[in-house]
Amino acid sequence: INSNRSKGTKFFQELRASGNADTYSYNVMIDFSSSEDALLLKKEMESSGVPLSGASWNSIVKALVNDGLFREAEEMLDQMQEEGFEPSPRTIKPLVGALKRVGKRQIAKNIRDRFLQ
């Protein structure tokens, strides 16, 4: 797996260097990134004019949740809405599930109710 990830990273770097990295290639990289790297890739997409997709947002939220950054994940959901994307059940599921696992059921319910009206 690490060998394939290295090959994928190298391929992405080549795409990026040639100006051919698209939304899909960024999404793949974000999906395997830490929250810090996911946020850097998001900024890079924005500055280079590569549009974020719903999958981009899903992967960024998931990266934040995986690093235990629940408040930041919720803020990202707000930003997502500001940018014209509505969080789907797939977007909020990682955050709601993680909050439930750490005993914050009411916060999880509030987030679910707020974003899935």
N, C-alpha and C. Protein backbone atom coordinates (compact mmCIF):
# COMPACT_ATOMS: atom_id res chain seq x y z
N ILE A 1 0.83 -1.19 0.00
CA ILE A 1 0.00 0.00 0.00
C ILE A 1 0.88 1.25 0.00
N ASN A 2 1.91 1.29 0.84
CA ASN A 2 2.78 2.47 0.87
C ASN A 2 3.43 2.72 -0.48
N SER A 3 3.81 1.65 -1.18
CA SER A 3 4.41 1.80 -2.50
C SER A 3 3.42 2.44 -3.47
N ASN A 4 2.18 1.99 -3.43
CA ASN A 4 1.15 2.58 -4.30
C ASN A 4 0.88 4.03 -3.92
N ARG A 5 0.88 4.33 -2.62
CA ARG A 5 0.66 5.70 -2.18
C ARG A 5 1.80 6.59 -2.66
N SER A 6 3.02 6.09 -2.57
CA SER A 6 4.17 6.86 -3.05
C SER A 6 4.06 7.12 -4.55
N LYS A 7 3.66 6.11 -5.30
CA LYS A 7 3.48 6.28 -6.74
C LYS A 7 2.38 7.30 -7.02
N GLY A 8 1.31 7.22 -6.25
CA GLY A 8 0.22 8.17 -6.43
C GLY A 8 0.64 9.59 -6.10
N THR A 9 1.41 9.74 -5.03
CA THR A 9 1.90 11.06 -4.65
C THR A 9 2.82 11.62 -5.72
N LYS A 10 3.69 10.78 -6.24
CA LYS A 10 4.61 11.22 -7.30
C LYS A 10 3.82 11.63 -8.54
N PHE A 11 2.84 10.84 -8.90
CA PHE A 11 2.01 11.16 -10.07
C PHE A 11 1.29 12.48 -9.86
N PHE A 12 0.73 12.69 -8.66
CA PHE A 12 0.04 13.94 -8.36
C PHE A 12 1.00 15.12 -8.46
N GLN A 13 2.20 14.97 -7.92
CA GLN A 13 3.18 16.05 -7.99
C GLN A 13 3.52 16.39 -9.43
N GLU A 14 3.59 15.38 -10.28
CA GLU A 14 3.84 15.63 -11.71
C GLU A 14 2.66 16.37 -12.35
N LEU A 15 1.45 15.96 -12.00
CA LEU A 15 0.26 16.65 -12.52
C LEU A 15 0.25 18.11 -12.08
N ARG A 16 0.54 18.30 -10.80
CA ARG A 16 0.53 19.65 -10.24
C ARG A 16 1.60 20.51 -10.91
N ALA A 17 2.80 19.98 -11.07
CA ALA A 17 3.90 20.72 -11.67
C ALA A 17 3.59 21.12 -13.13
N SER A 18 2.85 20.28 -13.82
CA SER A 18 2.52 20.56 -15.21
C SER A 18 1.25 21.40 -15.36
N GLY A 19 0.61 21.72 -14.22
CA GLY A 19 -0.62 22.50 -14.26
C GLY A 19 -1.84 21.69 -14.65
N ASN A 20 -1.73 20.37 -14.58
CA ASN A 20 -2.83 19.50 -15.00
C ASN A 20 -3.58 18.83 -13.85
N ALA A 21 -3.29 19.23 -12.62
CA ALA A 21 -4.01 18.64 -11.49
C ALA A 21 -5.45 19.17 -11.51
N ASP A 22 -6.40 18.26 -11.46
CA ASP A 22 -7.81 18.64 -11.49
C ASP A 22 -8.47 18.32 -10.15
N THR A 23 -9.76 18.61 -10.08
CA THR A 23 -10.50 18.38 -8.84
C THR A 23 -10.36 16.93 -8.37
N TYR A 24 -10.51 15.99 -9.29
CA TYR A 24 -10.43 14.58 -8.91
C TYR A 24 -9.06 14.24 -8.32
N SER A 25 -7.99 14.67 -8.95
CA SER A 25 -6.66 14.33 -8.44
C SER A 25 -6.42 14.97 -7.08
N TYR A 26 -6.89 16.20 -6.88
CA TYR A 26 -6.78 16.82 -5.56
C TYR A 26 -7.60 16.04 -4.53
N ASN A 27 -8.80 15.61 -4.92
CA ASN A 27 -9.65 14.88 -3.98
C ASN A 27 -8.98 13.59 -3.51
N VAL A 28 -8.33 12.90 -4.42
CA VAL A 28 -7.64 11.66 -4.05
C VAL A 28 -6.56 11.97 -3.01
N MET A 29 -5.81 13.04 -3.24
CA MET A 29 -4.75 13.40 -2.29
C MET A 29 -5.32 13.83 -0.95
N ILE A 30 -6.39 14.62 -0.98
CA ILE A 30 -7.02 15.06 0.27
C ILE A 30 -7.52 13.86 1.05
N ASP A 31 -8.07 12.88 0.36
CA ASP A 31 -8.65 11.72 1.02
C ASP A 31 -7.62 10.94 1.83
N PHE A 32 -6.35 11.02 1.45
CA PHE A 32 -5.30 10.29 2.16
C PHE A 32 -4.42 11.21 3.00
N SER A 33 -4.91 12.42 3.29
CA SER A 33 -4.09 13.42 3.98
C SER A 33 -4.52 13.62 5.42
N SER A 34 -3.58 14.15 6.19
CA SER A 34 -3.91 14.64 7.53
C SER A 34 -4.74 15.90 7.37
N SER A 35 -5.31 16.37 8.45
CA SER A 35 -6.12 17.59 8.36
C SER A 35 -5.26 18.77 7.92
N GLU A 36 -4.05 18.85 8.43
CA GLU A 36 -3.16 19.95 8.06
C GLU A 36 -2.90 19.95 6.55
N ASP A 37 -2.56 18.79 6.01
CA ASP A 37 -2.29 18.70 4.57
C ASP A 37 -3.56 18.91 3.75
N ALA A 38 -4.70 18.41 4.26
CA ALA A 38 -5.96 18.60 3.54
C ALA A 38 -6.29 20.08 3.41
N LEU A 39 -6.06 20.83 4.49
CA LEU A 39 -6.34 22.27 4.44
C LEU A 39 -5.38 23.00 3.52
N LEU A 40 -4.14 22.55 3.48
CA LEU A 40 -3.17 23.15 2.55
C LEU A 40 -3.57 22.86 1.10
N LEU A 41 -4.00 21.64 0.84
CA LEU A 41 -4.44 21.30 -0.51
C LEU A 41 -5.69 22.08 -0.91
N LYS A 42 -6.59 22.30 0.05
CA LYS A 42 -7.79 23.11 -0.21
C LYS A 42 -7.38 24.52 -0.62
N LYS A 43 -6.47 25.12 0.14
CA LYS A 43 -6.00 26.47 -0.20
C LYS A 43 -5.34 26.50 -1.57
N GLU A 44 -4.58 25.47 -1.86
CA GLU A 44 -3.91 25.39 -3.16
C GLU A 44 -4.95 25.31 -4.29
N MET A 45 -5.99 24.52 -4.07
CA MET A 45 -7.04 24.42 -5.08
C MET A 45 -7.67 25.79 -5.31
N GLU A 46 -7.98 26.47 -4.22
CA GLU A 46 -8.63 27.77 -4.33
C GLU A 46 -7.73 28.78 -5.05
N SER A 47 -6.46 28.78 -4.70
CA SER A 47 -5.56 29.77 -5.31
C SER A 47 -5.23 29.46 -6.76
N SER A 48 -5.33 28.19 -7.14
CA SER A 48 -5.01 27.83 -8.53
C SER A 48 -6.24 27.72 -9.41
N GLY A 49 -7.41 28.00 -8.84
CA GLY A 49 -8.64 27.98 -9.63
C GLY A 49 -9.22 26.61 -9.88
N VAL A 50 -8.77 25.61 -9.14
CA VAL A 50 -9.34 24.27 -9.27
C VAL A 50 -10.58 24.22 -8.37
N PRO A 51 -11.75 23.96 -8.93
CA PRO A 51 -12.97 24.02 -8.13
C PRO A 51 -13.07 22.86 -7.12
N LEU A 52 -13.56 23.20 -5.94
CA LEU A 52 -13.87 22.17 -4.95
C LEU A 52 -15.20 21.53 -5.34
N SER A 53 -15.32 20.26 -5.05
CA SER A 53 -16.57 19.54 -5.30
C SER A 53 -17.14 19.09 -3.95
N GLY A 54 -18.31 18.50 -3.99
CA GLY A 54 -18.86 17.92 -2.76
C GLY A 54 -17.92 16.89 -2.17
N ALA A 55 -17.27 16.11 -3.02
CA ALA A 55 -16.31 15.10 -2.55
C ALA A 55 -15.11 15.77 -1.88
N SER A 56 -14.70 16.92 -2.38
CA SER A 56 -13.59 17.66 -1.75
C SER A 56 -13.96 18.01 -0.32
N TRP A 57 -15.13 18.59 -0.17
CA TRP A 57 -15.59 18.99 1.17
C TRP A 57 -15.72 17.78 2.09
N ASN A 58 -16.29 16.69 1.57
CA ASN A 58 -16.44 15.48 2.39
C ASN A 58 -15.09 15.01 2.91
N SER A 59 -14.09 14.99 2.05
CA SER A 59 -12.77 14.50 2.44
C SER A 59 -12.08 15.44 3.43
N ILE A 60 -12.28 16.74 3.28
CA ILE A 60 -11.69 17.71 4.21
C ILE A 60 -12.32 17.56 5.59
N VAL A 61 -13.64 17.46 5.63
CA VAL A 61 -14.33 17.27 6.92
C VAL A 61 -13.85 15.98 7.57
N LYS A 62 -13.76 14.91 6.79
CA LYS A 62 -13.32 13.62 7.32
C LYS A 62 -11.89 13.71 7.87
N ALA A 63 -11.01 14.42 7.19
CA ALA A 63 -9.62 14.57 7.67
C ALA A 63 -9.60 15.31 9.01
N LEU A 64 -10.41 16.35 9.13
CA LEU A 64 -10.47 17.09 10.40
C LEU A 64 -10.98 16.19 11.52
N VAL A 65 -12.03 15.44 11.24
CA VAL A 65 -12.59 14.53 12.25
C VAL A 65 -11.57 13.47 12.63
N ASN A 66 -10.87 12.91 11.65
CA ASN A 66 -9.89 11.87 11.94
C ASN A 66 -8.77 12.37 12.86
N ASP A 67 -8.49 13.66 12.81
CA ASP A 67 -7.48 14.25 13.68
C ASP A 67 -8.07 14.80 14.97
N GLY A 68 -9.37 14.52 15.21
CA GLY A 68 -10.02 14.94 16.45
C GLY A 68 -10.38 16.41 16.49
N LEU A 69 -10.40 17.07 15.35
CA LEU A 69 -10.70 18.51 15.28
C LEU A 69 -12.18 18.72 14.97
N PHE A 70 -13.00 18.39 15.97
CA PHE A 70 -14.44 18.39 15.77
C PHE A 70 -15.00 19.80 15.53
N ARG A 71 -14.55 20.76 16.32
CA ARG A 71 -15.04 22.13 16.16
C ARG A 71 -14.66 22.67 14.78
N GLU A 72 -13.44 22.38 14.35
CA GLU A 72 -12.98 22.82 13.03
C GLU A 72 -13.79 22.15 11.92
N ALA A 73 -14.15 20.89 12.14
CA ALA A 73 -14.98 20.18 11.16
C ALA A 73 -16.35 20.85 11.05
N GLU A 74 -16.92 21.23 12.18
CA GLU A 74 -18.21 21.92 12.15
C GLU A 74 -18.07 23.28 11.45
N GLU A 75 -16.98 23.98 11.72
CA GLU A 75 -16.75 25.26 11.04
C GLU A 75 -16.59 25.06 9.53
N MET A 76 -16.00 23.95 9.14
CA MET A 76 -15.85 23.65 7.72
C MET A 76 -17.22 23.40 7.08
N LEU A 77 -18.15 22.80 7.83
CA LEU A 77 -19.51 22.62 7.32
C LEU A 77 -20.17 23.98 7.08
N ASP A 78 -19.92 24.93 7.99
CA ASP A 78 -20.45 26.28 7.80
C ASP A 78 -19.84 26.92 6.55
N GLN A 79 -18.53 26.78 6.41
CA GLN A 79 -17.85 27.35 5.24
C GLN A 79 -18.36 26.70 3.96
N MET A 80 -18.60 25.42 4.03
CA MET A 80 -19.13 24.68 2.88
C MET A 80 -20.44 25.31 2.41
N GLN A 81 -21.32 25.60 3.38
CA GLN A 81 -22.60 26.22 3.05
C GLN A 81 -22.40 27.61 2.47
N GLU A 82 -21.48 28.37 3.05
CA GLU A 82 -21.20 29.71 2.55
C GLU A 82 -20.73 29.68 1.10
N GLU A 83 -20.06 28.58 0.72
CA GLU A 83 -19.54 28.43 -0.64
C GLU A 83 -20.58 27.82 -1.60
N GLY A 84 -21.80 27.58 -1.07
CA GLY A 84 -22.87 27.11 -1.93
C GLY A 84 -23.06 25.61 -1.99
N PHE A 85 -22.41 24.88 -1.10
CA PHE A 85 -22.57 23.42 -1.04
C PHE A 85 -23.35 23.06 0.21
N GLU A 86 -24.32 22.20 0.07
CA GLU A 86 -25.09 21.74 1.22
C GLU A 86 -24.51 20.42 1.72
N PRO A 87 -24.17 20.35 3.02
CA PRO A 87 -23.69 19.08 3.56
C PRO A 87 -24.74 17.99 3.40
N SER A 88 -24.29 16.84 2.99
CA SER A 88 -25.18 15.69 2.83
C SER A 88 -24.99 14.79 4.06
N PRO A 89 -25.83 13.77 4.19
CA PRO A 89 -25.59 12.81 5.27
C PRO A 89 -24.17 12.24 5.22
N ARG A 90 -23.66 12.03 4.02
CA ARG A 90 -22.30 11.49 3.88
C ARG A 90 -21.25 12.48 4.41
N THR A 91 -21.52 13.77 4.29
CA THR A 91 -20.58 14.78 4.76
C THR A 91 -20.53 14.83 6.28
N ILE A 92 -21.69 14.78 6.91
CA ILE A 92 -21.71 14.95 8.37
C ILE A 92 -21.55 13.64 9.13
N LYS A 93 -21.71 12.50 8.46
CA LYS A 93 -21.65 11.21 9.16
C LYS A 93 -20.35 11.02 9.96
N PRO A 94 -19.16 11.33 9.42
CA PRO A 94 -17.95 11.14 10.23
C PRO A 94 -17.95 11.98 11.51
N LEU A 95 -18.42 13.22 11.40
CA LEU A 95 -18.43 14.10 12.57
C LEU A 95 -19.45 13.63 13.60
N VAL A 96 -20.65 13.34 13.16
CA VAL A 96 -21.70 12.90 14.08
C VAL A 96 -21.30 11.59 14.75
N GLY A 97 -20.76 10.65 13.97
CA GLY A 97 -20.33 9.37 14.55
C GLY A 97 -19.22 9.53 15.57
N ALA A 98 -18.25 10.38 15.26
CA ALA A 98 -17.13 10.60 16.19
C ALA A 98 -17.61 11.25 17.48
N LEU A 99 -18.49 12.22 17.35
CA LEU A 99 -19.02 12.88 18.55
C LEU A 99 -19.79 11.89 19.42
N LYS A 100 -20.56 11.02 18.81
CA LYS A 100 -21.29 10.01 19.58
C LYS A 100 -20.32 9.07 20.30
N ARG A 101 -19.24 8.69 19.59
CA ARG A 101 -18.26 7.76 20.20
C ARG A 101 -17.58 8.36 21.42
N VAL A 102 -17.44 9.68 21.47
CA VAL A 102 -16.79 10.30 22.63
C VAL A 102 -17.82 10.82 23.64
N GLY A 103 -19.07 10.40 23.48
CA GLY A 103 -20.10 10.71 24.46
C GLY A 103 -20.76 12.06 24.30
N LYS A 104 -20.60 12.70 23.16
CA LYS A 104 -21.20 14.02 22.94
C LYS A 104 -22.43 13.88 22.04
N ARG A 105 -23.38 13.09 22.52
CA ARG A 105 -24.56 12.77 21.72
C ARG A 105 -25.43 13.99 21.42
N GLN A 106 -25.57 14.88 22.39
CA GLN A 106 -26.42 16.05 22.16
C GLN A 106 -25.81 16.97 21.11
N ILE A 107 -24.50 17.15 21.15
CA ILE A 107 -23.83 17.97 20.13
C ILE A 107 -23.99 17.31 18.76
N ALA A 108 -23.84 15.99 18.73
CA ALA A 108 -24.02 15.25 17.47
C ALA A 108 -25.43 15.46 16.93
N LYS A 109 -26.42 15.36 17.80
CA LYS A 109 -27.81 15.55 17.38
C LYS A 109 -28.03 16.97 16.87
N ASN A 110 -27.47 17.95 17.58
CA ASN A 110 -27.62 19.35 17.15
C ASN A 110 -27.02 19.58 15.77
N ILE A 111 -25.86 18.99 15.52
CA ILE A 111 -25.22 19.14 14.21
C ILE A 111 -26.06 18.46 13.14
N ARG A 112 -26.51 17.25 13.42
CA ARG A 112 -27.35 16.54 12.45
C ARG A 112 -28.61 17.35 12.14
N ASP A 113 -29.26 17.86 13.17
CA ASP A 113 -30.49 18.63 12.98
C ASP A 113 -30.22 19.94 12.23
N ARG A 114 -29.10 20.56 12.54
CA ARG A 114 -28.78 21.85 11.93
C ARG A 114 -28.47 21.72 10.44
N PHE A 115 -27.75 20.68 10.05
CA PHE A 115 -27.32 20.58 8.68
C PHE A 115 -28.20 19.68 7.80
N LEU A 116 -29.05 18.90 8.41
CA LEU A 116 -29.93 18.01 7.62
C LEU A 116 -31.39 18.29 7.94
N GLN A 117 -31.81 19.50 7.66
CA GLN A 117 -33.18 19.91 7.97
C GLN A 117 -34.15 19.39 6.96
